[in-house]
N, C-alpha and C. Protein backbone atom coordinates (compact mmCIF):
# COMPACT_ATOMS: atom_id res chain seq x y z
N UNK A 1 97.88 77.30 63.07
CA UNK A 1 97.39 77.93 64.29
C UNK A 1 98.04 79.20 64.59
N UNK A 2 97.28 80.32 64.82
CA UNK A 2 97.87 81.61 65.17
C UNK A 2 98.63 81.61 66.44
N UNK A 3 99.49 82.69 66.52
CA UNK A 3 100.39 82.70 67.84
C UNK A 3 99.41 82.83 69.01
N UNK A 4 98.31 83.56 68.90
CA UNK A 4 97.43 83.76 70.04
C UNK A 4 96.86 82.37 70.39
N UNK A 5 96.25 81.66 69.51
CA UNK A 5 95.76 80.37 69.93
C UNK A 5 96.83 79.40 70.36
N UNK A 6 98.01 79.49 69.91
CA UNK A 6 99.04 78.57 70.36
C UNK A 6 99.35 78.86 71.80
N UNK A 7 99.47 80.15 72.16
CA UNK A 7 99.79 80.55 73.44
C UNK A 7 98.67 80.13 74.49
N UNK A 8 97.43 80.32 73.93
CA UNK A 8 96.28 79.96 74.84
C UNK A 8 96.37 78.52 75.16
N UNK A 9 96.68 77.69 74.22
CA UNK A 9 96.85 76.19 74.47
C UNK A 9 97.82 75.91 75.56
N UNK A 10 99.05 76.69 75.38
CA UNK A 10 100.15 76.48 76.47
C UNK A 10 99.57 76.99 77.82
N UNK A 11 98.90 78.12 77.78
CA UNK A 11 98.42 78.65 78.99
C UNK A 11 97.44 77.72 79.76
N UNK A 12 96.61 77.07 78.95
CA UNK A 12 95.72 76.12 79.59
C UNK A 12 96.44 74.89 80.14
N UNK A 13 97.39 74.43 79.42
CA UNK A 13 98.27 73.33 80.08
C UNK A 13 98.89 73.70 81.29
N UNK A 14 99.45 74.91 81.31
CA UNK A 14 100.20 75.36 82.49
C UNK A 14 99.31 75.58 83.59
N UNK A 15 98.07 76.09 83.33
CA UNK A 15 97.13 76.35 84.48
C UNK A 15 96.80 74.96 85.12
N UNK A 16 96.68 73.95 84.30
CA UNK A 16 96.33 72.71 84.92
C UNK A 16 97.43 71.97 85.68
N UNK A 17 98.77 72.39 85.50
CA UNK A 17 99.83 71.67 86.14
C UNK A 17 100.57 72.47 87.23
N UNK A 18 100.46 73.85 87.14
CA UNK A 18 101.34 74.60 88.06
C UNK A 18 100.48 75.03 89.23
N UNK A 19 100.98 74.74 90.46
CA UNK A 19 100.27 75.19 91.69
C UNK A 19 100.39 76.62 92.02
N UNK A 20 99.55 77.15 92.99
CA UNK A 20 99.68 78.53 93.32
C UNK A 20 100.90 78.76 94.00
N UNK A 21 101.36 78.06 94.91
CA UNK A 21 102.55 78.33 95.72
C UNK A 21 103.56 77.22 95.34
N UNK A 22 104.91 77.62 95.10
CA UNK A 22 105.89 76.74 94.58
C UNK A 22 107.00 76.66 95.58
N UNK A 23 107.49 75.50 95.92
CA UNK A 23 108.49 75.37 96.96
C UNK A 23 109.44 74.31 96.56
N UNK A 24 110.44 74.06 97.44
CA UNK A 24 111.45 73.01 97.24
C UNK A 24 111.70 72.38 98.55
N UNK A 25 112.23 71.30 98.67
CA UNK A 25 112.56 70.62 99.93
C UNK A 25 113.67 71.45 100.64
N UNK A 26 114.47 72.17 99.88
CA UNK A 26 115.50 73.01 100.57
C UNK A 26 114.91 74.34 101.29
N UNK A 27 113.77 74.71 100.85
CA UNK A 27 113.27 75.94 101.31
C UNK A 27 113.15 75.98 102.93
N UNK A 28 113.57 77.05 103.49
CA UNK A 28 113.52 77.25 104.87
C UNK A 28 113.34 78.68 105.13
N UNK A 29 112.90 79.02 106.39
CA UNK A 29 112.70 80.42 106.70
C UNK A 29 114.12 80.99 107.23
N UNK A 30 114.84 81.52 106.34
CA UNK A 30 116.17 82.09 106.69
C UNK A 30 116.09 83.35 107.28
N UNK A 31 114.97 84.02 107.36
CA UNK A 31 114.96 85.46 107.77
C UNK A 31 115.38 85.72 109.19
N UNK A 32 115.54 84.68 110.06
CA UNK A 32 116.05 84.92 111.33
C UNK A 32 117.45 84.41 111.54
N UNK A 33 118.00 83.90 110.52
CA UNK A 33 119.29 83.25 110.60
C UNK A 33 120.45 84.31 110.50
N UNK A 34 121.43 84.26 111.48
CA UNK A 34 122.56 85.18 111.41
C UNK A 34 123.42 84.79 110.23
N UNK A 35 123.85 85.75 109.53
CA UNK A 35 124.92 85.54 108.44
C UNK A 35 124.22 85.27 107.09
N UNK A 36 122.90 85.25 107.05
CA UNK A 36 122.18 85.07 105.72
C UNK A 36 121.89 86.45 105.12
N UNK A 37 122.41 86.69 103.96
CA UNK A 37 122.14 88.05 103.40
C UNK A 37 120.70 88.04 102.82
N UNK A 38 120.10 89.21 102.91
CA UNK A 38 118.70 89.40 102.59
C UNK A 38 118.52 90.61 101.63
N UNK A 39 117.92 90.39 100.59
CA UNK A 39 117.60 91.41 99.59
C UNK A 39 116.04 91.50 99.29
N UNK A 40 115.60 92.75 99.08
CA UNK A 40 114.20 92.89 98.82
C UNK A 40 113.97 93.81 97.63
N UNK A 41 112.76 93.60 96.99
CA UNK A 41 112.29 94.52 95.86
C UNK A 41 110.88 94.77 96.05
N UNK A 42 110.48 95.99 95.84
CA UNK A 42 109.10 96.26 95.80
C UNK A 42 108.74 96.36 94.27
N UNK A 43 107.87 95.48 93.95
CA UNK A 43 107.39 95.30 92.57
C UNK A 43 106.27 96.37 92.24
N UNK A 44 106.46 97.19 91.30
CA UNK A 44 105.52 98.21 90.96
C UNK A 44 105.04 98.05 89.58
N UNK A 45 103.79 98.41 89.28
CA UNK A 45 103.13 98.15 87.93
C UNK A 45 103.89 98.98 86.83
N UNK A 46 103.90 98.37 85.75
CA UNK A 46 104.50 99.05 84.50
C UNK A 46 103.23 99.80 83.86
N UNK A 47 103.01 101.03 84.29
CA UNK A 47 101.72 101.58 84.00
C UNK A 47 101.48 101.88 82.55
N UNK A 48 102.60 102.10 81.74
CA UNK A 48 102.45 102.33 80.33
C UNK A 48 101.91 101.07 79.61
N UNK A 49 101.98 99.93 80.24
CA UNK A 49 101.45 98.68 79.76
C UNK A 49 100.05 98.44 80.23
N UNK A 50 99.46 99.41 80.84
CA UNK A 50 98.04 99.26 81.48
C UNK A 50 97.97 98.16 82.47
N UNK A 51 99.13 98.11 83.24
CA UNK A 51 99.28 96.97 84.28
C UNK A 51 98.96 97.65 85.62
N UNK A 52 98.33 96.86 86.47
CA UNK A 52 98.09 97.30 87.85
C UNK A 52 98.84 96.31 88.81
N UNK A 53 99.63 95.41 88.27
CA UNK A 53 100.35 94.28 89.01
C UNK A 53 101.28 94.92 89.95
N UNK A 54 101.32 94.39 91.15
CA UNK A 54 102.37 94.84 92.09
C UNK A 54 102.56 93.74 93.15
N UNK A 55 103.67 93.82 93.96
CA UNK A 55 103.92 92.81 94.87
C UNK A 55 105.36 93.01 95.59
N UNK A 56 105.89 92.01 96.07
CA UNK A 56 107.19 92.09 96.74
C UNK A 56 107.97 90.83 96.36
N UNK A 57 109.31 91.04 96.45
CA UNK A 57 110.21 89.92 96.28
C UNK A 57 111.22 90.00 97.46
N UNK A 58 111.58 88.80 97.98
CA UNK A 58 112.62 88.61 98.98
C UNK A 58 113.52 87.56 98.55
N UNK A 59 114.81 87.85 98.59
CA UNK A 59 115.90 86.84 98.11
C UNK A 59 116.81 86.73 99.35
N UNK A 60 116.84 85.50 99.83
CA UNK A 60 117.81 85.20 100.84
C UNK A 60 119.06 84.44 100.19
N UNK A 61 120.31 84.96 100.36
CA UNK A 61 121.40 84.50 99.71
C UNK A 61 122.46 83.99 100.72
N UNK A 62 122.88 82.62 100.53
CA UNK A 62 123.82 82.02 101.29
C UNK A 62 124.88 81.45 100.28
N UNK A 63 126.02 82.10 100.12
CA UNK A 63 126.89 81.74 99.05
C UNK A 63 126.17 81.99 97.71
N UNK A 64 126.04 80.97 96.88
CA UNK A 64 125.23 81.10 95.58
C UNK A 64 123.92 80.45 95.77
N UNK A 65 123.50 79.99 96.94
CA UNK A 65 122.19 79.28 97.08
C UNK A 65 121.19 80.41 97.53
N UNK A 66 120.14 80.42 96.80
CA UNK A 66 119.16 81.53 97.02
C UNK A 66 117.77 80.97 97.18
N UNK A 67 117.10 81.50 98.19
CA UNK A 67 115.69 81.26 98.35
C UNK A 67 114.94 82.56 97.80
N UNK A 68 114.12 82.36 96.86
CA UNK A 68 113.42 83.54 96.21
C UNK A 68 111.96 83.31 96.52
N UNK A 69 111.35 84.40 97.04
CA UNK A 69 109.97 84.44 97.41
C UNK A 69 109.36 85.58 96.68
N UNK A 70 108.31 85.44 95.84
CA UNK A 70 107.69 86.53 95.15
C UNK A 70 106.21 86.45 95.42
N UNK A 71 105.57 87.60 95.80
CA UNK A 71 104.12 87.68 95.94
C UNK A 71 103.60 88.67 94.97
N UNK A 72 102.57 88.38 94.13
CA UNK A 72 102.19 89.39 93.17
C UNK A 72 100.55 89.34 93.14
N UNK A 73 100.02 90.37 93.00
CA UNK A 73 98.49 90.44 92.80
C UNK A 73 98.14 91.41 91.80
N UNK A 74 96.83 91.49 91.42
CA UNK A 74 96.33 92.38 90.44
C UNK A 74 96.98 92.14 89.02
N UNK A 75 97.24 90.88 88.79
CA UNK A 75 97.84 90.52 87.48
C UNK A 75 96.86 89.56 86.71
N UNK A 76 96.99 89.56 85.43
CA UNK A 76 96.11 88.72 84.55
C UNK A 76 96.02 87.27 85.11
N UNK A 77 94.80 86.92 85.42
CA UNK A 77 94.48 85.53 86.02
C UNK A 77 94.62 84.48 85.05
N UNK A 78 95.04 83.28 85.53
CA UNK A 78 95.02 81.95 84.87
C UNK A 78 95.83 82.08 83.55
N UNK A 79 96.95 82.81 83.53
CA UNK A 79 97.83 82.83 82.40
C UNK A 79 99.25 82.72 82.87
N UNK A 80 100.16 82.03 82.15
CA UNK A 80 101.49 81.96 82.63
C UNK A 80 102.15 83.35 82.60
N UNK A 81 102.97 83.52 83.72
CA UNK A 81 103.68 84.81 83.83
C UNK A 81 105.20 84.54 84.02
N UNK A 82 105.89 84.73 82.92
CA UNK A 82 107.33 84.60 83.03
C UNK A 82 107.85 85.64 84.02
N UNK A 83 108.94 85.21 84.74
CA UNK A 83 109.55 86.05 85.69
C UNK A 83 111.06 85.82 85.78
N UNK A 84 111.83 86.87 85.90
CA UNK A 84 113.21 86.69 85.73
C UNK A 84 114.00 87.50 86.74
N UNK A 85 115.32 87.29 86.93
CA UNK A 85 116.30 88.24 87.47
C UNK A 85 117.06 88.73 86.30
N UNK A 86 116.98 90.05 86.02
CA UNK A 86 117.76 90.76 84.98
C UNK A 86 118.96 91.23 85.46
N UNK A 87 120.07 91.22 84.75
CA UNK A 87 121.30 91.94 85.26
C UNK A 87 121.98 92.63 84.15
N UNK A 88 122.88 93.53 84.38
CA UNK A 88 123.85 94.04 83.43
C UNK A 88 123.33 95.44 82.83
N UNK A 89 122.19 95.95 83.30
CA UNK A 89 121.73 97.24 82.81
C UNK A 89 122.16 98.20 83.93
N UNK A 90 121.28 99.20 84.04
CA UNK A 90 121.52 100.32 84.95
C UNK A 90 121.05 99.84 86.43
N UNK A 91 120.55 98.66 86.50
CA UNK A 91 119.99 98.15 87.88
C UNK A 91 118.77 98.87 88.31
N UNK A 92 117.93 99.22 87.31
CA UNK A 92 116.70 99.97 87.65
C UNK A 92 115.67 99.59 86.73
N UNK A 93 114.35 99.91 87.11
CA UNK A 93 113.19 99.67 86.17
C UNK A 93 113.07 100.80 85.10
N UNK A 94 112.61 100.45 83.98
CA UNK A 94 112.44 101.51 82.93
C UNK A 94 111.33 102.41 83.28
N UNK A 95 111.19 103.53 82.68
CA UNK A 95 110.16 104.46 82.88
C UNK A 95 109.21 104.48 81.61
N UNK A 96 108.11 105.18 81.79
CA UNK A 96 107.20 105.34 80.56
C UNK A 96 107.88 105.96 79.29
N UNK A 97 108.91 106.81 79.55
CA UNK A 97 109.58 107.35 78.46
C UNK A 97 110.33 106.34 77.65
N UNK A 98 110.66 105.13 78.25
CA UNK A 98 111.44 104.10 77.50
C UNK A 98 110.52 103.30 76.50
N UNK A 99 109.18 103.47 76.61
CA UNK A 99 108.12 102.71 75.86
C UNK A 99 108.37 103.00 74.38
N UNK A 100 108.06 102.05 73.53
CA UNK A 100 108.03 102.30 72.05
C UNK A 100 106.59 102.17 71.48
N UNK A 101 106.61 102.29 70.13
CA UNK A 101 105.26 102.18 69.54
C UNK A 101 105.17 100.77 68.95
N UNK A 102 104.17 100.01 69.29
CA UNK A 102 104.08 98.61 68.86
C UNK A 102 102.70 98.36 68.32
N UNK A 103 102.58 98.04 67.10
CA UNK A 103 101.32 97.86 66.39
C UNK A 103 100.45 99.13 66.50
N UNK A 104 101.13 100.30 66.54
CA UNK A 104 100.50 101.58 66.55
C UNK A 104 100.05 102.08 67.99
N UNK A 105 100.45 101.31 69.00
CA UNK A 105 100.15 101.59 70.33
C UNK A 105 101.46 101.84 71.16
N UNK A 106 101.32 102.66 72.16
CA UNK A 106 102.63 102.89 72.97
C UNK A 106 102.62 101.94 74.07
N UNK A 107 103.64 101.22 74.27
CA UNK A 107 103.85 100.18 75.25
C UNK A 107 105.30 99.85 75.44
N UNK A 108 105.59 99.30 76.59
CA UNK A 108 106.96 98.99 76.90
C UNK A 108 107.21 97.44 76.76
N UNK A 109 107.97 97.15 75.68
CA UNK A 109 108.32 95.73 75.45
C UNK A 109 109.39 95.37 76.35
N UNK A 110 109.80 94.11 76.38
CA UNK A 110 110.92 93.61 77.21
C UNK A 110 112.19 94.18 76.57
N UNK A 111 112.36 94.30 75.29
CA UNK A 111 113.44 94.84 74.66
C UNK A 111 113.60 96.38 74.92
N UNK A 112 112.44 97.14 75.03
CA UNK A 112 112.49 98.56 75.31
C UNK A 112 113.19 98.85 76.60
N UNK A 113 113.05 97.86 77.56
CA UNK A 113 113.55 98.00 78.92
C UNK A 113 114.98 97.52 79.18
N UNK A 114 115.59 97.02 78.18
CA UNK A 114 116.90 96.33 78.44
C UNK A 114 118.00 97.18 78.98
N UNK A 115 117.95 98.53 78.55
CA UNK A 115 119.04 99.44 79.02
C UNK A 115 118.89 99.65 80.51
N UNK A 116 117.65 99.56 80.98
CA UNK A 116 117.33 99.85 82.40
C UNK A 116 117.70 98.63 83.25
N UNK A 117 117.15 97.48 82.93
CA UNK A 117 117.27 96.31 83.78
C UNK A 117 118.26 95.27 83.32
N UNK A 118 118.69 95.30 82.06
CA UNK A 118 119.70 94.39 81.53
C UNK A 118 118.99 93.09 80.98
N UNK A 119 119.79 92.07 80.69
CA UNK A 119 119.35 90.88 80.13
C UNK A 119 118.98 89.93 81.19
N UNK A 120 118.17 88.82 80.74
CA UNK A 120 117.71 87.74 81.68
C UNK A 120 118.98 86.88 82.01
N UNK A 121 119.17 86.79 83.29
CA UNK A 121 120.18 85.82 83.79
C UNK A 121 119.65 84.57 84.50
N UNK A 122 118.59 84.84 85.17
CA UNK A 122 117.85 83.77 85.89
C UNK A 122 116.41 83.72 85.59
N UNK A 123 115.96 82.49 85.17
CA UNK A 123 114.40 82.36 84.98
C UNK A 123 113.87 81.71 86.20
N UNK A 124 112.93 82.43 86.76
CA UNK A 124 112.30 82.04 88.00
C UNK A 124 111.19 81.04 87.77
N UNK A 125 111.57 79.90 87.34
CA UNK A 125 110.58 78.87 86.96
C UNK A 125 110.14 78.06 88.20
N UNK A 126 109.10 77.34 88.06
CA UNK A 126 108.50 76.62 89.15
C UNK A 126 109.24 75.28 89.39
N UNK A 127 109.98 74.70 88.41
CA UNK A 127 110.65 73.48 88.47
C UNK A 127 111.75 73.45 87.37
N UNK A 128 112.74 72.60 87.46
CA UNK A 128 113.75 72.50 86.44
C UNK A 128 114.71 73.65 86.24
N UNK A 129 115.13 73.69 85.05
CA UNK A 129 116.23 74.72 84.77
C UNK A 129 115.83 76.15 85.17
N UNK A 130 116.76 76.90 85.60
CA UNK A 130 116.52 78.37 85.98
C UNK A 130 117.44 79.18 85.19
N UNK A 131 118.11 78.75 84.14
CA UNK A 131 118.97 79.60 83.38
C UNK A 131 118.27 80.46 82.41
N UNK A 132 118.96 81.41 81.70
CA UNK A 132 118.37 82.13 80.70
C UNK A 132 117.64 81.31 79.61
N UNK A 133 118.16 80.17 79.45
CA UNK A 133 117.59 79.25 78.39
C UNK A 133 116.07 79.04 78.63
N UNK A 134 115.64 79.11 79.80
CA UNK A 134 114.24 78.82 80.15
C UNK A 134 113.40 80.08 80.31
N UNK A 135 113.91 81.17 79.71
CA UNK A 135 113.31 82.45 79.73
C UNK A 135 111.80 82.52 79.28
N UNK A 136 111.48 81.64 78.37
CA UNK A 136 110.14 81.59 77.81
C UNK A 136 109.50 80.19 77.99
N UNK A 137 109.81 79.51 79.03
CA UNK A 137 109.29 78.27 79.42
C UNK A 137 108.00 78.42 79.99
N UNK A 138 106.97 78.73 79.12
CA UNK A 138 105.65 79.16 79.68
C UNK A 138 104.97 78.12 80.53
N UNK A 139 105.39 76.76 80.32
CA UNK A 139 104.73 75.66 81.12
C UNK A 139 105.25 75.57 82.39
N UNK A 140 106.30 76.45 82.78
CA UNK A 140 106.97 76.21 84.04
C UNK A 140 107.04 77.61 84.79
N UNK A 141 106.03 78.32 84.59
CA UNK A 141 105.92 79.64 85.30
C UNK A 141 104.59 79.73 86.05
N UNK A 142 104.40 80.62 87.09
CA UNK A 142 103.15 80.66 87.78
C UNK A 142 102.02 81.13 86.87
N UNK A 143 100.82 80.82 87.15
CA UNK A 143 99.63 81.08 86.33
C UNK A 143 98.69 82.15 86.99
N UNK A 144 98.90 82.58 88.21
CA UNK A 144 98.05 83.49 88.83
C UNK A 144 96.61 83.15 88.99
N UNK A 145 96.28 82.13 89.62
CA UNK A 145 94.79 81.78 89.85
C UNK A 145 94.11 82.95 90.57
N UNK A 146 93.03 83.53 90.12
CA UNK A 146 92.39 84.59 90.76
C UNK A 146 93.11 85.84 90.61
N UNK A 147 94.17 86.02 89.80
CA UNK A 147 94.81 87.20 89.58
C UNK A 147 95.93 87.45 90.67
N UNK A 148 96.52 86.36 91.36
CA UNK A 148 97.58 86.57 92.26
C UNK A 148 98.35 85.23 92.36
N UNK A 149 99.51 85.29 92.80
CA UNK A 149 100.26 84.17 92.90
C UNK A 149 101.49 84.40 94.04
N UNK A 150 101.87 83.27 94.63
CA UNK A 150 103.06 83.35 95.52
C UNK A 150 103.93 82.28 95.03
N UNK A 151 105.17 82.65 94.83
CA UNK A 151 106.29 81.81 94.35
C UNK A 151 107.33 81.79 95.39
N UNK A 152 107.80 80.50 95.65
CA UNK A 152 108.79 80.28 96.57
C UNK A 152 109.62 79.12 96.32
N UNK A 153 110.89 79.30 95.99
CA UNK A 153 111.80 78.26 95.42
C UNK A 153 113.19 78.56 95.91
N UNK A 154 113.93 77.42 96.20
CA UNK A 154 115.31 77.50 96.67
C UNK A 154 116.22 76.78 95.54
N UNK A 155 117.18 77.49 95.06
CA UNK A 155 118.04 76.88 94.04
C UNK A 155 119.35 77.71 94.06
N UNK A 156 120.34 77.17 93.17
CA UNK A 156 121.62 77.86 93.10
C UNK A 156 121.63 78.86 91.93
N UNK A 157 122.02 80.09 92.30
CA UNK A 157 122.19 81.05 91.30
C UNK A 157 123.51 80.89 90.53
N UNK A 158 123.58 81.33 89.32
CA UNK A 158 124.75 81.41 88.56
C UNK A 158 125.73 82.42 89.32
N UNK A 159 127.07 82.40 89.04
CA UNK A 159 127.88 83.29 89.76
C UNK A 159 127.57 84.67 89.32
N UNK A 160 127.29 84.85 88.09
CA UNK A 160 126.94 86.24 87.55
C UNK A 160 125.80 86.80 88.25
N UNK A 161 124.71 85.88 88.50
CA UNK A 161 123.55 86.46 89.11
C UNK A 161 123.78 86.80 90.54
N UNK A 162 124.50 85.90 91.28
CA UNK A 162 124.82 86.25 92.70
C UNK A 162 125.69 87.49 92.87
N UNK A 163 126.60 87.63 92.00
CA UNK A 163 127.47 88.83 91.97
C UNK A 163 126.66 90.11 91.73
N UNK A 164 125.68 89.98 90.84
CA UNK A 164 124.80 91.23 90.41
C UNK A 164 123.86 91.56 91.58
N UNK A 165 123.34 90.58 92.27
CA UNK A 165 122.38 90.82 93.34
C UNK A 165 123.27 91.55 94.50
N UNK A 166 124.42 91.09 94.74
CA UNK A 166 125.26 91.74 95.83
C UNK A 166 125.73 93.12 95.33
N UNK A 167 125.80 93.32 94.08
CA UNK A 167 126.40 94.56 93.61
C UNK A 167 125.27 95.57 93.33
N UNK A 168 124.02 95.28 93.72
CA UNK A 168 122.88 96.13 93.56
C UNK A 168 122.64 96.39 91.99
N UNK A 169 122.80 95.35 91.24
CA UNK A 169 122.55 95.49 89.78
C UNK A 169 121.61 94.37 89.33
N UNK A 170 120.69 93.89 90.23
CA UNK A 170 119.80 92.79 89.73
C UNK A 170 118.40 93.43 89.95
N UNK A 171 117.50 93.15 88.94
CA UNK A 171 116.18 93.60 88.83
C UNK A 171 115.24 92.41 88.61
N UNK A 172 114.16 92.36 89.45
CA UNK A 172 113.06 91.41 89.27
C UNK A 172 112.08 91.92 88.27
N UNK A 173 111.73 91.15 87.25
CA UNK A 173 110.63 91.59 86.24
C UNK A 173 109.79 90.38 86.08
N UNK A 174 108.39 90.72 86.28
CA UNK A 174 107.32 89.75 86.09
C UNK A 174 106.60 90.23 84.83
N UNK A 175 106.38 89.32 83.85
CA UNK A 175 105.95 89.64 82.58
C UNK A 175 104.45 89.12 82.38
N UNK A 176 103.83 89.62 81.37
CA UNK A 176 102.50 89.22 80.98
C UNK A 176 101.48 90.18 81.34
N UNK A 177 100.91 90.90 80.33
CA UNK A 177 99.98 91.93 80.57
C UNK A 177 98.66 91.73 79.79
N UNK A 178 97.68 92.47 80.21
CA UNK A 178 96.37 92.46 79.44
C UNK A 178 96.14 93.88 78.98
N UNK A 179 96.83 94.36 77.97
CA UNK A 179 96.85 95.69 77.52
C UNK A 179 95.49 96.34 77.26
N UNK A 180 94.67 95.47 76.53
CA UNK A 180 93.41 95.99 76.04
C UNK A 180 92.26 95.47 76.97
N UNK A 181 92.57 94.84 78.12
CA UNK A 181 91.57 94.45 78.99
C UNK A 181 90.56 93.40 78.57
N UNK A 182 90.94 92.55 77.57
CA UNK A 182 90.05 91.55 77.06
C UNK A 182 90.17 90.20 77.84
N UNK A 183 91.01 90.08 78.92
CA UNK A 183 91.06 88.98 79.72
C UNK A 183 91.86 87.84 79.18
N UNK A 184 92.86 88.13 78.17
CA UNK A 184 93.67 87.07 77.64
C UNK A 184 94.80 87.72 76.89
N UNK A 185 95.79 86.95 76.52
CA UNK A 185 96.93 87.40 75.84
C UNK A 185 96.58 87.48 74.34
N UNK A 186 96.33 88.55 73.81
CA UNK A 186 95.88 88.72 72.39
C UNK A 186 96.91 89.39 71.47
N UNK A 187 96.53 89.78 70.27
CA UNK A 187 97.51 90.40 69.44
C UNK A 187 97.35 91.87 69.24
N UNK A 188 96.80 92.52 70.20
CA UNK A 188 96.64 93.91 70.10
C UNK A 188 97.95 94.67 69.89
N UNK A 189 99.06 94.24 70.41
CA UNK A 189 100.30 94.76 70.24
C UNK A 189 101.22 94.05 69.17
N UNK A 190 100.63 93.05 68.64
CA UNK A 190 101.39 92.28 67.56
C UNK A 190 102.18 91.19 68.20
N UNK A 191 103.12 90.68 67.45
CA UNK A 191 103.95 89.52 68.01
C UNK A 191 105.08 89.96 68.86
N UNK A 192 105.54 89.05 69.84
CA UNK A 192 106.62 89.40 70.69
C UNK A 192 107.97 89.51 69.90
N UNK A 193 108.77 90.45 70.41
CA UNK A 193 110.09 90.55 69.77
C UNK A 193 110.95 89.41 70.21
N UNK A 194 110.52 88.73 71.33
CA UNK A 194 111.40 87.60 71.85
C UNK A 194 111.09 86.32 71.11
N UNK A 195 109.86 86.08 70.73
CA UNK A 195 109.46 84.91 70.03
C UNK A 195 108.27 85.28 69.20
N UNK A 196 108.35 85.36 67.88
CA UNK A 196 107.24 85.68 67.05
C UNK A 196 106.00 84.73 67.23
N UNK A 197 106.23 83.60 67.73
CA UNK A 197 105.14 82.74 67.93
C UNK A 197 104.22 83.07 69.09
N UNK A 198 104.64 84.08 69.93
CA UNK A 198 103.96 84.54 71.07
C UNK A 198 103.44 85.86 70.91
N UNK A 199 102.28 86.24 71.45
CA UNK A 199 101.83 87.53 71.43
C UNK A 199 102.63 88.46 72.38
N UNK A 200 102.77 89.71 71.96
CA UNK A 200 103.70 90.59 72.82
C UNK A 200 103.13 90.81 74.26
N UNK A 201 101.81 90.81 74.42
CA UNK A 201 101.14 90.93 75.69
C UNK A 201 101.77 89.90 76.64
N UNK A 202 102.08 88.68 76.19
CA UNK A 202 102.61 87.53 77.04
C UNK A 202 103.97 87.83 77.48
N UNK A 203 104.75 88.68 76.79
CA UNK A 203 106.14 88.81 77.22
C UNK A 203 106.46 90.28 77.73
N UNK A 204 105.60 91.22 77.54
CA UNK A 204 105.84 92.68 77.99
C UNK A 204 105.85 92.63 79.62
N UNK A 205 106.67 93.51 80.18
CA UNK A 205 106.76 93.66 81.62
C UNK A 205 105.38 94.10 82.23
N UNK A 206 105.01 93.34 83.32
CA UNK A 206 103.85 93.80 83.99
C UNK A 206 104.22 94.51 85.40
N UNK A 207 105.29 94.04 86.04
CA UNK A 207 105.72 94.58 87.30
C UNK A 207 107.12 94.51 87.40
N UNK A 208 107.77 95.37 88.09
CA UNK A 208 109.31 95.48 88.05
C UNK A 208 109.78 96.07 89.35
N UNK A 209 110.99 95.58 89.90
CA UNK A 209 111.54 96.22 91.10
C UNK A 209 112.97 95.77 91.18
N UNK A 210 113.95 96.72 91.52
CA UNK A 210 115.38 96.45 91.77
C UNK A 210 115.49 95.79 93.10
N UNK A 211 116.47 94.89 93.22
CA UNK A 211 116.75 94.17 94.48
C UNK A 211 117.75 95.12 95.23
N UNK A 212 117.51 95.32 96.56
CA UNK A 212 118.37 96.04 97.39
C UNK A 212 118.63 95.24 98.67
N UNK A 213 119.85 95.36 99.11
CA UNK A 213 120.06 94.63 100.41
C UNK A 213 119.27 95.22 101.61
N UNK A 214 118.70 94.37 102.40
CA UNK A 214 117.91 94.77 103.52
C UNK A 214 118.96 94.76 104.75
N UNK A 215 119.01 95.98 105.32
CA UNK A 215 119.97 96.15 106.46
C UNK A 215 119.30 95.96 107.84
C-alpha cells in the first residue's frame, strides 16, 4: 500500500472517531479568574505552502496545568491535522525564505521551520498522551469537518513546555496542507521527512503563531 493510501485509511478512521470540539472534565472558563496566566497566539497561514488556514490559540496556565483552546478555519476538511507546541527555536514562525525545494516544488516542511519555532514538545492530541512521542498520532488529532475545527483540552504541560510558554519561546503550529488543491493529502511534494510512510502534505505546517502573554 502506498503512503498516500495508507494515510487516507488513517484519515478515514480518525474522521469517524474524533469530534469537532474536544474537551475534558477539567476544562473551565479561566478567563475571568484572578491569578491565572493567559497567553494568546494569532495563527496565520503558511502561504508558501498554499495554505489559507488561520485562527487563534488561547492558553490559560496555572502552574503546569494548561487549558488550550484552538480555533482554525480554511483548512483541509475531513483530514487529521497534527498540532503542537514547539519550543527551543527563535520563538517565531518561519518565513517564505525558509522554504526548501521538495519534489521540485518550493514549500516549507516541518524541518525547514525548526530554526524558527524549534522542536515539538507538546502534541495537542484530542485524548491520551500529549508528549512529543505522539507528534504523528494521526488518529488523535482534529479532522476539521467542513474545513474548520475547535479544540479545547485541559492537561498538564511538561516543565520544559510551561517554562517556554512563560519565556515567550513557544509557538503553536497546525500541520496538514493541500498544496496542489486536489482535496486530499497526496504525493505532490513527496514523502514526509518525519515519516516516509506519510505524504509531506500531511506534515507540512498550515498555520503558525507564537504565544505571547496577554496583559
